[in-house]
Amino acid sequence: MATCVNGCAPAVRLCQRLNRLKTLDDDMMATSLKRCLSTLDLTLLGLGGMVGSGLYVLTGTIAKDMVGPAVIISFLLAGIASLLAAFCYAEFGARIPKTGSAYMFTYVSVGEIWAFLIGWNVILENMIGGAAVARAWSGYLDSIFNHAIQNFTQTHIMDWDVPFLAHYPDLLAAGILVVASCFISFGVQVSSYLNHIFSTISMGIIAFILVFGFVLAEPANWSQKEGGFAPFGLSGILAGSATCFYAFVGFDVIASSSEEAKNPQKAVPIATAVSLALATTAYILVSTVLTLMVPWHTLDPNSALADAFFRRGYSWAGVIVAVGSICAMNTVLLCNLFSLPRIVYAMAEDGLFFSIFARVNPVTKVPVNAILVFGILMAIIALIFDLEALVQFLSIGTLLAYTFVAASIIVLRFQPGKSSSSGNSSTSPNPNAGPFPATSESQTIKEDSGELKEYESFSDKLQLVERAKETEHRGVGQLKARLEPYLGRLLGDFEPGEVVAFCVLALMVSSVSLCAVVEFGTNPLQLPVWSFKLLVLIFSLAYIVSLVLIWVHEPQTKTKTFQVPLVPFVPGVSILMNVFLMLKLSYLTWIRFTVWIAIGLFVYFGYGIWHSKEGLRELLPKDMAARYVVLPSGSLVETVQSVQPDGQVDASAPNVNASAASMTVENTARTLSSPS
């Protein structure tokens, strides 16, 4: 048995290294970047990230090839799924105002290897998103000049016929990315001003499209003569929804920018909600106008809106729309080039990616190396790849990031407070504190009203001791008190948050299994009806039971920042919807995704795991001791000190006074006693 334990020790240590969590600093607002973005800035960034090539190009592509006029429903479903994910991003962005978006959120709640893979996919998502927008930008500008740029390139420069690549190198798309990267490197305020200008023009032209488009609308274009409203059926609508996620990937730029926001606790939730609501409304209305102006099967996928006005005889309107599309796509380009380097910077800052990308320019306060290098890589992708291939590859990374962020919300909401100095779980004197209370910070025991109270009599102190016992017993991640008589024997012996962690894993597995059976059970797998129904029932019950078991535990409450409502049910539904939409994507997308993951694992095990700052932090002393001493005056002194290896105690740790009873806390073990 001992031999088995010794043999398993390296594997156990490896698992611990792969799943270690990021330790956050005491001062969450401290940053080497510049905090200068307002709520309006973040809202326009989010809106600019969503309303661009998706509106002017993706709408026509999906309507013609996948859905028909029912693209309206596809955008609505994608918007709802994005809203559930946006709730999770808003909570994380407000509570953890650090750059890195889904990567950072996964790192502080799930583990290092998962955070790296999410960050790796978000990098790909932004690179492909920017390249796709640049290709669409080039196509729209080319359409204004009757495709003269494309014809010149194919005739005088190069023309190839290679699978999975574009028919010709798009020099214009690559050039605009290089120019935009240079502007982004000038600083966050320059990026914000440019985004304001382009977003204002874009919104004005969208209003023009809606007004003039409804004037030209012909309901006959939705008739059976033209193929009907949903010619591809429900399957086409759902497949279209999966691809429509490309339109909504931009809202995570708000969370990525939280480290540069003046007041992220307030600005991030408001900006996320407003920008997503406006973007979803714009997509639905523009889709309605487009499919009513011309028959859906005659749309031009490269420049659908402008071409629709040209074909109705209003060439001047088509030019206006083309100009508006270029302005809108400029905002998306700026957002992609704004978000991508900051995610790379966050990973490099944590030691998981090459350290050269963690350098911040002292003048502009932006990671210039990351901006220029990944801007050039994005330009190369736009140069050689086709727009359709880029769009199909994009949604899977987005959906995976949404899934892990939703799971991270559940884990974070039900795990006990974490020490920012040691990273170890500990029971905080105040279970309603924020998610990461620092044990080195001053902690004061207060009344429920939030006011201090002096305890003069010994009976008052005993009442506080009893209340402290009750509060500790009902701490975060523990079974709810009212359910303990019924579930205490089954769940009462687990550590706080342990059951929730297992249930989140079961929730993910049951979601994947249920969606796989529903998607592939009847057709590719040819399952008998009885086995199909049985599997659906089993995995549905597993999904529901996982949610219920999470719900019966105590969550964190009374935080000062925005919280996702109805946890764990809202994140649970988000996970289910994201997984289902992922399974609607083509097998080629999954093959490309698998190759990218393999490359990411090679980078992580070759570099990241050896340079992780959390790994270096593990070598530092991290045991803490806290003592509560009742003075003769009745006040309570708390001293939190690090325990040195030689037994000497650092006397420089802070202390604080508060009214309370006598308590002693050492290495997270509490004992209650009365003063002598």
Foldseek 3Di string as FASTA:
>chain_A
DVVVVVVCVVVVVVVCLFFAADFDDQDLLDDLFAADDELVLLLLLQLLQQPACCQFFVLLVLCQPFWNLCLLVLLVLLLVLVVLLLQLQLQCCQQRVAAQFLLNLCRHFTGRNLSLLLLLLVLLLLLLLLLLLLLLLLLLVCVLVVNPVVVCQVPPPHADDDPQKDRGFDLRSLVVLLVLLVQPLQADVSLSVLSVVLSVLLVVLLVVCLVVLVVLFAVCLQDVVLCHNTNNPPLSSLLSSLLSNSSNLSSSLSSNCSSRHPNSLPSSSVSSVVSSVVSSVSNSSSSNSQSRLDRSNPADSSGRSLVSCVVVPNNVSSVSVSVSNSSSSSSSSSSSLNRSLSSVLVCLVQFQAPVLSVDADSPRSGSSVSSNVSSSVSSVCSRIGDSVSSSLLNSLSSLSSSLSSLLSQLSQFQAFEAASQFRDHFHDLDLQERSHNHPLDEDADDDPVRDADADDDPVVQVVQVVVSVVDSQQHGQAFHPVCCVPCVVPGVPDDRSPLLVVLSVLLLVLLLQLLCLVVCVCPPVVHDPVVSVVSNVVSVVSNVVSQVSSVRGDTRDDYPGRHNPPPPPSSSVSNNSSSNSSVSRDVVSVVVSVVSSVVSVCSRVVTRSVRRVVVVSVVDQRFKFWAWDQDPVQKIKIFIWTQDPVRDTDPPRDIDIGHHAGWTGGRNDIDHDGDD
